[in-house]
Amino acid sequence: KERYRNSFMISTWLNLKRHYMIWWRDRRFIIANIIKNVVMGMSVGAVFWQTDSTSSIFGVLFQGTLFIMLGAMTSAPGQLLDRSIFYRHKDANFYPTFAYIIGRAFAMVPQVSI
């Protein structure tokens, strides 16, 4: 007897489509994310323009890591809200947990590339 209605690949595909559509519909977030990345890139570029010292390179790495962490902090509340939906779907045997994780990870590729 099968535990899930769909196969692993179909479950992964459905999760990928679902999370991609949720991300794509939030146009305000996408535009704000693009503006934030451009402003942060310009500020780091202006601070470390035409520097060759090793400490400057470490400064760029530090600021880049700091901006990534600050960007991740803004997405944490959405992750927490999504968790209750995941638990409800898991209890109803909609899809395996690994299919959810893989689908969500691949759906985040466009967001990470911006």
N, C-alpha and C. Protein backbone atom coordinates (compact mmCIF):
# COMPACT_ATOMS: atom_id res chain seq x y z
N LYS A 1 0.85 -1.19 0.00
CA LYS A 1 0.00 0.00 0.00
C LYS A 1 0.88 1.25 0.00
N GLU A 2 0.57 2.18 -0.86
CA GLU A 2 1.36 3.40 -0.97
C GLU A 2 0.97 4.39 0.11
N ARG A 3 1.98 5.07 0.63
CA ARG A 3 1.71 6.06 1.67
C ARG A 3 1.26 7.39 1.07
N TYR A 4 1.82 7.75 -0.08
CA TYR A 4 1.52 9.03 -0.72
C TYR A 4 0.81 8.79 -2.04
N ARG A 5 -0.05 9.71 -2.41
CA ARG A 5 -0.83 9.55 -3.63
C ARG A 5 0.04 9.68 -4.88
N ASN A 6 0.97 10.62 -4.87
CA ASN A 6 1.83 10.87 -6.04
C ASN A 6 3.21 10.28 -5.80
N SER A 7 3.93 10.09 -6.90
CA SER A 7 5.30 9.60 -6.79
C SER A 7 6.20 10.72 -6.24
N PHE A 8 7.42 10.34 -5.92
CA PHE A 8 8.37 11.31 -5.37
C PHE A 8 8.63 12.43 -6.36
N MET A 9 8.84 12.09 -7.62
CA MET A 9 9.15 13.12 -8.63
C MET A 9 7.97 14.07 -8.84
N ILE A 10 6.77 13.54 -8.90
CA ILE A 10 5.59 14.41 -9.08
C ILE A 10 5.40 15.29 -7.85
N SER A 11 5.60 14.72 -6.66
CA SER A 11 5.49 15.53 -5.44
C SER A 11 6.53 16.65 -5.42
N THR A 12 7.74 16.34 -5.84
CA THR A 12 8.79 17.35 -5.90
C THR A 12 8.42 18.44 -6.90
N TRP A 13 7.94 18.05 -8.06
CA TRP A 13 7.55 19.01 -9.09
C TRP A 13 6.41 19.90 -8.62
N LEU A 14 5.42 19.32 -7.96
CA LEU A 14 4.29 20.10 -7.46
C LEU A 14 4.73 21.09 -6.38
N ASN A 15 5.63 20.66 -5.51
CA ASN A 15 6.15 21.58 -4.49
C ASN A 15 6.97 22.69 -5.12
N LEU A 16 7.78 22.36 -6.12
CA LEU A 16 8.56 23.38 -6.81
C LEU A 16 7.64 24.42 -7.45
N LYS A 17 6.61 23.96 -8.13
CA LYS A 17 5.67 24.89 -8.77
C LYS A 17 4.96 25.75 -7.73
N ARG A 18 4.55 25.14 -6.63
CA ARG A 18 3.82 25.87 -5.60
C ARG A 18 4.68 26.97 -5.00
N HIS A 19 5.90 26.65 -4.61
CA HIS A 19 6.76 27.65 -3.97
C HIS A 19 7.22 28.71 -4.97
N TYR A 20 7.43 28.32 -6.21
CA TYR A 20 7.82 29.30 -7.22
C TYR A 20 6.68 30.29 -7.45
N MET A 21 5.46 29.79 -7.54
CA MET A 21 4.32 30.69 -7.76
C MET A 21 4.10 31.61 -6.56
N ILE A 22 4.28 31.11 -5.35
CA ILE A 22 4.15 31.96 -4.17
C ILE A 22 5.19 33.08 -4.23
N TRP A 23 6.42 32.74 -4.60
CA TRP A 23 7.47 33.76 -4.70
C TRP A 23 7.18 34.74 -5.83
N TRP A 24 6.76 34.24 -6.99
CA TRP A 24 6.56 35.08 -8.16
C TRP A 24 5.40 36.04 -7.98
N ARG A 25 4.39 35.68 -7.22
CA ARG A 25 3.24 36.56 -7.01
C ARG A 25 3.54 37.73 -6.10
N ASP A 26 4.59 37.64 -5.32
CA ASP A 26 4.94 38.72 -4.39
C ASP A 26 5.86 39.71 -5.09
N ARG A 27 5.29 40.48 -5.99
CA ARG A 27 6.07 41.42 -6.81
C ARG A 27 6.75 42.49 -5.97
N ARG A 28 6.08 42.96 -4.94
CA ARG A 28 6.66 43.99 -4.10
C ARG A 28 7.96 43.50 -3.45
N PHE A 29 7.96 42.25 -3.00
CA PHE A 29 9.17 41.68 -2.39
C PHE A 29 10.28 41.55 -3.42
N ILE A 30 9.95 41.14 -4.63
CA ILE A 30 10.97 40.97 -5.67
C ILE A 30 11.60 42.32 -6.01
N ILE A 31 10.78 43.34 -6.19
CA ILE A 31 11.30 44.67 -6.54
C ILE A 31 12.14 45.23 -5.39
N ALA A 32 11.65 45.07 -4.16
CA ALA A 32 12.41 45.56 -3.01
C ALA A 32 13.74 44.82 -2.87
N ASN A 33 13.74 43.54 -3.15
CA ASN A 33 14.97 42.76 -3.06
C ASN A 33 15.98 43.21 -4.11
N ILE A 34 15.53 43.48 -5.32
CA ILE A 34 16.42 43.96 -6.37
C ILE A 34 17.01 45.32 -6.00
N ILE A 35 16.17 46.23 -5.51
CA ILE A 35 16.65 47.56 -5.12
C ILE A 35 17.65 47.44 -3.97
N LYS A 36 17.33 46.60 -2.98
CA LYS A 36 18.23 46.41 -1.84
C LYS A 36 19.59 45.89 -2.30
N ASN A 37 19.59 44.92 -3.20
CA ASN A 37 20.86 44.36 -3.68
C ASN A 37 21.67 45.36 -4.47
N VAL A 38 21.02 46.18 -5.27
CA VAL A 38 21.74 47.19 -6.05
C VAL A 38 22.34 48.24 -5.13
N VAL A 39 21.57 48.70 -4.15
CA VAL A 39 22.07 49.73 -3.23
C VAL A 39 23.23 49.17 -2.40
N MET A 40 23.10 47.94 -1.90
CA MET A 40 24.18 47.36 -1.12
C MET A 40 25.42 47.13 -1.97
N GLY A 41 25.23 46.70 -3.21
CA GLY A 41 26.37 46.50 -4.09
C GLY A 41 27.08 47.80 -4.41
N MET A 42 26.31 48.86 -4.63
CA MET A 42 26.91 50.16 -4.89
C MET A 42 27.66 50.69 -3.66
N SER A 43 27.09 50.47 -2.48
CA SER A 43 27.77 50.98 -1.28
C SER A 43 29.07 50.24 -1.02
N VAL A 44 29.06 48.93 -1.16
CA VAL A 44 30.30 48.17 -0.97
C VAL A 44 31.30 48.52 -2.06
N GLY A 45 30.83 48.66 -3.29
CA GLY A 45 31.73 49.02 -4.38
C GLY A 45 32.35 50.39 -4.20
N ALA A 46 31.56 51.33 -3.67
CA ALA A 46 32.09 52.68 -3.47
C ALA A 46 33.12 52.72 -2.34
N VAL A 47 32.88 51.93 -1.30
CA VAL A 47 33.81 51.94 -0.16
C VAL A 47 35.15 51.31 -0.54
N PHE A 48 35.10 50.24 -1.31
CA PHE A 48 36.32 49.50 -1.60
C PHE A 48 36.79 49.68 -3.05
N TRP A 49 36.48 50.81 -3.64
CA TRP A 49 36.88 51.08 -5.01
C TRP A 49 38.38 51.29 -5.09
N GLN A 50 39.02 50.59 -6.01
CA GLN A 50 40.45 50.70 -6.31
C GLN A 50 41.34 50.49 -5.08
N THR A 51 41.09 49.45 -4.35
CA THR A 51 41.96 49.10 -3.23
C THR A 51 42.61 47.76 -3.53
N ASP A 52 43.85 47.62 -3.12
CA ASP A 52 44.59 46.39 -3.39
C ASP A 52 45.03 45.67 -2.12
N SER A 53 44.88 46.29 -0.97
CA SER A 53 45.41 45.67 0.25
C SER A 53 44.55 44.47 0.66
N THR A 54 45.17 43.54 1.36
CA THR A 54 44.50 42.33 1.79
C THR A 54 43.39 42.63 2.78
N SER A 55 43.59 43.61 3.63
CA SER A 55 42.56 43.95 4.61
C SER A 55 41.30 44.47 3.92
N SER A 56 41.45 45.12 2.80
CA SER A 56 40.28 45.60 2.06
C SER A 56 39.49 44.43 1.48
N ILE A 57 40.20 43.41 1.03
CA ILE A 57 39.51 42.23 0.49
C ILE A 57 38.73 41.53 1.60
N PHE A 58 39.32 41.45 2.79
CA PHE A 58 38.60 40.86 3.91
C PHE A 58 37.41 41.72 4.31
N GLY A 59 37.52 43.03 4.16
CA GLY A 59 36.40 43.92 4.43
C GLY A 59 35.24 43.67 3.48
N VAL A 60 35.56 43.45 2.21
CA VAL A 60 34.51 43.14 1.22
C VAL A 60 33.84 41.83 1.58
N LEU A 61 34.62 40.82 1.94
CA LEU A 61 34.05 39.53 2.33
C LEU A 61 33.16 39.67 3.57
N PHE A 62 33.61 40.47 4.53
CA PHE A 62 32.81 40.67 5.74
C PHE A 62 31.50 41.36 5.41
N GLN A 63 31.55 42.43 4.63
CA GLN A 63 30.32 43.15 4.31
C GLN A 63 29.39 42.29 3.46
N GLY A 64 29.95 41.52 2.56
CA GLY A 64 29.10 40.62 1.76
C GLY A 64 28.39 39.60 2.62
N THR A 65 29.12 39.02 3.57
CA THR A 65 28.51 38.07 4.50
C THR A 65 27.46 38.74 5.37
N LEU A 66 27.74 39.94 5.82
CA LEU A 66 26.79 40.69 6.64
C LEU A 66 25.50 40.97 5.88
N PHE A 67 25.61 41.37 4.62
CA PHE A 67 24.42 41.65 3.82
C PHE A 67 23.62 40.39 3.55
N ILE A 68 24.29 39.27 3.35
CA ILE A 68 23.58 38.01 3.15
C ILE A 68 22.80 37.64 4.41
N MET A 69 23.44 37.81 5.56
CA MET A 69 22.76 37.47 6.82
C MET A 69 21.58 38.40 7.08
N LEU A 70 21.73 39.68 6.80
CA LEU A 70 20.62 40.61 6.99
C LEU A 70 19.47 40.31 6.03
N GLY A 71 19.80 39.91 4.82
CA GLY A 71 18.76 39.53 3.86
C GLY A 71 18.03 38.27 4.29
N ALA A 72 18.75 37.34 4.89
CA ALA A 72 18.12 36.10 5.36
C ALA A 72 17.21 36.36 6.55
N MET A 73 17.55 37.36 7.36
CA MET A 73 16.71 37.68 8.52
C MET A 73 15.34 38.16 8.10
N THR A 74 15.24 38.83 6.97
CA THR A 74 13.94 39.33 6.53
C THR A 74 13.02 38.21 6.03
N SER A 75 13.59 37.08 5.63
CA SER A 75 12.75 35.99 5.14
C SER A 75 12.37 35.00 6.23
N ALA A 76 12.90 35.16 7.43
CA ALA A 76 12.61 34.21 8.52
C ALA A 76 11.14 34.16 8.92
N PRO A 77 10.42 35.29 9.05
CA PRO A 77 9.01 35.19 9.42
C PRO A 77 8.17 34.41 8.41
N GLY A 78 8.47 34.57 7.13
CA GLY A 78 7.76 33.80 6.12
C GLY A 78 8.00 32.31 6.22
N GLN A 79 9.23 31.96 6.58
CA GLN A 79 9.56 30.55 6.77
C GLN A 79 8.77 29.96 7.93
N LEU A 80 8.63 30.72 9.00
CA LEU A 80 7.89 30.23 10.16
C LEU A 80 6.41 30.06 9.85
N LEU A 81 5.84 30.95 9.06
CA LEU A 81 4.44 30.82 8.69
C LEU A 81 4.21 29.62 7.78
N ASP A 82 5.18 29.36 6.92
CA ASP A 82 5.09 28.24 6.00
C ASP A 82 5.16 26.89 6.71
N ARG A 83 5.75 26.90 7.88
CA ARG A 83 5.94 25.66 8.62
C ARG A 83 4.62 25.02 9.03
N SER A 84 3.66 25.82 9.44
CA SER A 84 2.36 25.27 9.85
C SER A 84 1.65 24.61 8.67
N ILE A 85 1.80 25.21 7.49
CA ILE A 85 1.19 24.62 6.29
C ILE A 85 1.88 23.30 5.97
N PHE A 86 3.21 23.27 6.10
CA PHE A 86 3.94 22.03 5.85
C PHE A 86 3.50 20.93 6.79
N TYR A 87 3.34 21.24 8.07
CA TYR A 87 2.92 20.22 9.04
C TYR A 87 1.52 19.70 8.72
N ARG A 88 0.64 20.58 8.32
CA ARG A 88 -0.72 20.16 7.95
C ARG A 88 -0.68 19.23 6.74
N HIS A 89 0.11 19.58 5.74
CA HIS A 89 0.23 18.73 4.54
C HIS A 89 0.90 17.41 4.87
N LYS A 90 1.89 17.44 5.73
CA LYS A 90 2.60 16.22 6.10
C LYS A 90 1.67 15.27 6.86
N ASP A 91 0.86 15.80 7.76
CA ASP A 91 -0.07 14.97 8.51
C ASP A 91 -1.14 14.35 7.61
N ALA A 92 -1.46 15.05 6.51
CA ALA A 92 -2.45 14.52 5.57
C ALA A 92 -1.80 13.63 4.50
N ASN A 93 -0.48 13.39 4.60
CA ASN A 93 0.27 12.56 3.64
C ASN A 93 0.17 13.08 2.21
N PHE A 94 0.31 14.38 2.06
CA PHE A 94 0.30 14.96 0.71
C PHE A 94 1.57 14.61 -0.05
N TYR A 95 2.72 14.68 0.62
CA TYR A 95 3.99 14.43 -0.03
C TYR A 95 5.04 14.08 1.01
N PRO A 96 6.13 13.42 0.58
CA PRO A 96 7.22 13.14 1.51
C PRO A 96 7.97 14.41 1.90
N THR A 97 8.59 14.40 3.04
CA THR A 97 9.32 15.57 3.53
C THR A 97 10.47 15.94 2.59
N PHE A 98 11.18 14.95 2.10
CA PHE A 98 12.31 15.23 1.22
C PHE A 98 11.86 15.87 -0.09
N ALA A 99 10.69 15.48 -0.60
CA ALA A 99 10.17 16.10 -1.81
C ALA A 99 9.85 17.57 -1.57
N TYR A 100 9.36 17.88 -0.39
CA TYR A 100 9.08 19.27 -0.03
C TYR A 100 10.37 20.08 0.02
N ILE A 101 11.40 19.51 0.65
CA ILE A 101 12.67 20.22 0.81
C ILE A 101 13.33 20.46 -0.55
N ILE A 102 13.36 19.43 -1.39
CA ILE A 102 13.99 19.57 -2.71
C ILE A 102 13.21 20.56 -3.57
N GLY A 103 11.89 20.47 -3.58
CA GLY A 103 11.07 21.40 -4.37
C GLY A 103 11.26 22.83 -3.92
N ARG A 104 11.28 23.03 -2.62
CA ARG A 104 11.46 24.39 -2.10
C ARG A 104 12.86 24.92 -2.40
N ALA A 105 13.88 24.07 -2.30
CA ALA A 105 15.24 24.52 -2.58
C ALA A 105 15.39 24.93 -4.03
N PHE A 106 14.85 24.15 -4.96
CA PHE A 106 14.95 24.53 -6.37
C PHE A 106 14.10 25.74 -6.71
N ALA A 107 13.01 25.94 -6.01
CA ALA A 107 12.17 27.11 -6.25
C ALA A 107 12.86 28.39 -5.76
N MET A 108 13.81 28.26 -4.85
CA MET A 108 14.53 29.42 -4.33
C MET A 108 15.69 29.86 -5.23
N VAL A 109 16.02 29.10 -6.24
CA VAL A 109 17.16 29.43 -7.11
C VAL A 109 17.00 30.80 -7.76
N PRO A 110 15.83 31.16 -8.33
CA PRO A 110 15.73 32.52 -8.90
C PRO A 110 15.87 33.61 -7.84
N GLN A 111 15.34 33.38 -6.65
CA GLN A 111 15.44 34.37 -5.60
C GLN A 111 16.88 34.57 -5.15
N VAL A 112 17.63 33.50 -5.06
CA VAL A 112 19.02 33.60 -4.64
C VAL A 112 19.88 34.24 -5.73
N SER A 113 19.53 34.00 -6.98
CA SER A 113 20.33 34.56 -8.07
C SER A 113 20.14 36.05 -8.24
N ILE A 114 19.07 36.61 -7.71
CA ILE A 114 18.85 38.06 -7.76
C ILE A 114 19.71 38.65 -6.72
